[in-house]
Protein backbone atom coordinates (compact mmCIF):
# COMPACT_ATOMS: atom_id res chain seq x y z
CA UNK A 1 374.03 -1.10 -164.41
CA UNK A 2 372.49 1.35 -162.15
CA UNK A 3 369.50 1.30 -159.49
CA UNK A 4 366.90 3.41 -159.29
CA UNK A 5 365.52 3.67 -155.82
CA UNK A 6 361.85 4.44 -155.43
CA UNK A 7 359.62 3.98 -152.07
CA UNK A 8 356.33 3.84 -153.32
CA UNK A 9 355.12 6.67 -150.88
CA UNK A 10 356.92 4.61 -148.14
CA UNK A 11 357.94 8.67 -146.19
CA UNK A 12 354.12 9.28 -146.71
CA UNK A 13 352.74 7.06 -145.21
CA UNK A 14 355.20 6.87 -142.22
CA UNK A 15 354.74 10.50 -141.55
CA UNK A 16 351.22 10.04 -141.89
CA UNK A 17 351.56 7.11 -139.57
CA UNK A 18 353.37 9.26 -136.79
CA UNK A 19 351.21 12.44 -137.08
CA UNK A 20 347.99 9.90 -136.26
CA UNK A 21 349.77 7.88 -133.25
CA UNK A 22 350.35 12.21 -131.95
CA UNK A 23 347.35 12.83 -132.48
CA UNK A 24 346.17 9.46 -130.34
CA UNK A 25 344.37 8.82 -133.54
CA UNK A 26 343.89 4.96 -134.56
CA UNK A 27 344.83 3.44 -138.12
CA UNK A 28 341.58 4.18 -139.62
CA UNK A 29 341.98 8.14 -139.27
CA UNK A 30 346.06 7.65 -141.65
CA UNK A 31 343.55 7.47 -145.22
CA UNK A 32 341.68 10.69 -144.12
CA UNK A 33 344.81 12.34 -142.94
CA UNK A 34 346.47 12.26 -146.43
CA UNK A 35 342.86 12.85 -148.26
CA UNK A 36 341.59 16.14 -145.80
CA UNK A 37 344.37 16.87 -143.11
CA UNK A 38 343.35 20.92 -142.91
CA UNK A 39 340.92 19.29 -139.44
CA UNK A 40 343.78 16.93 -138.17
CA UNK A 41 346.30 20.05 -138.22
CA UNK A 42 343.97 22.53 -136.74
CA UNK A 43 343.14 19.58 -133.93
CA UNK A 44 346.87 19.01 -133.87
CA UNK A 45 347.85 23.06 -133.81
CA UNK A 46 344.88 23.47 -130.79
CA UNK A 47 346.95 20.55 -128.90
CA UNK A 48 349.98 22.53 -129.30
CA UNK A 49 348.49 25.40 -128.17
CA UNK A 50 346.82 23.97 -125.13
CA UNK A 51 350.61 22.37 -124.10
CA UNK A 52 352.26 25.81 -124.32
CA UNK A 53 349.85 27.40 -121.90
CA UNK A 54 350.67 24.09 -119.46
CA UNK A 55 354.15 24.88 -119.76
CA UNK A 56 353.43 28.70 -119.80
CA UNK A 57 351.53 27.48 -116.13
CA UNK A 58 353.77 25.76 -115.03
CA UNK A 59 356.54 28.33 -115.23
CA UNK A 60 354.69 30.96 -113.94
CA UNK A 61 353.95 28.95 -110.55
CA UNK A 62 357.57 27.99 -110.04
CA UNK A 63 358.19 31.27 -110.82
CA UNK A 64 355.45 33.33 -108.68
CA UNK A 65 356.53 34.77 -105.24
CA UNK A 66 354.87 33.15 -102.26
CA UNK A 67 353.05 36.32 -99.99
CA UNK A 68 355.32 36.85 -97.24
CA UNK A 69 352.59 35.72 -94.82
CA UNK A 70 352.48 32.89 -96.44
CA UNK A 71 355.27 31.51 -94.45
CA UNK A 72 354.91 29.59 -91.31
CA UNK A 73 356.22 26.69 -89.38
CA UNK A 74 355.37 23.47 -91.27
CA UNK A 75 358.30 21.64 -92.86
CA UNK A 76 357.71 18.97 -95.82
CA UNK A 77 360.18 16.62 -95.86
CA UNK A 78 361.22 15.11 -99.14
CA UNK A 79 363.90 12.25 -100.42
CA UNK A 80 366.88 13.24 -102.42
CA UNK A 81 366.06 11.31 -105.40
CA UNK A 82 361.94 12.67 -105.38
CA UNK A 83 363.51 16.41 -104.61
CA UNK A 84 366.24 15.66 -107.76
CA UNK A 85 363.34 14.45 -109.89
CA UNK A 86 361.31 17.66 -109.32
CA UNK A 87 364.29 19.92 -109.75
CA UNK A 88 365.17 17.85 -113.55
CA UNK A 89 362.00 18.60 -114.10
CA UNK A 90 362.36 22.30 -113.67
CA UNK A 91 365.25 22.48 -115.41
CA UNK A 92 363.36 21.21 -118.97
CA UNK A 93 360.69 23.48 -118.48
CA UNK A 94 362.77 26.52 -118.56
CA UNK A 95 365.01 24.61 -121.08
CA UNK A 96 362.49 23.90 -123.44
CA UNK A 97 360.55 27.36 -123.02
CA UNK A 98 363.73 29.13 -123.81
CA UNK A 99 364.61 26.57 -126.96
CA UNK A 100 361.13 27.11 -128.22
CA UNK A 101 359.95 30.77 -127.70
CA UNK A 102 360.03 32.03 -124.57
CA UNK A 103 357.58 35.03 -123.56
CA UNK A 104 359.04 37.45 -121.30
CA UNK A 105 355.50 38.94 -120.28
CA UNK A 106 354.76 35.65 -117.80
CA UNK A 107 358.08 35.23 -116.44
């Protein structure tokens, strides 16, 4: 005797639920996502574009050299844990940007 597996659309519903959660939508939108996905895909595309811009701006700000007259005698004290956290953030930004299509014209 063989067992025929069928998920009755569970995988699709889980995908729609995850998509709605990533777009920060409530459960009422899940049926709309299934019926008319285009506005939600446009919203996701816009959000991806905005996040990409933020990453580009963050890396450009990190890579930018300050003007020579910007250096003064002030000193800033940061504890080791905060410094390590900031260095990890920069490493993650650089690795992600390199992995997912960095544009050389801004770096």
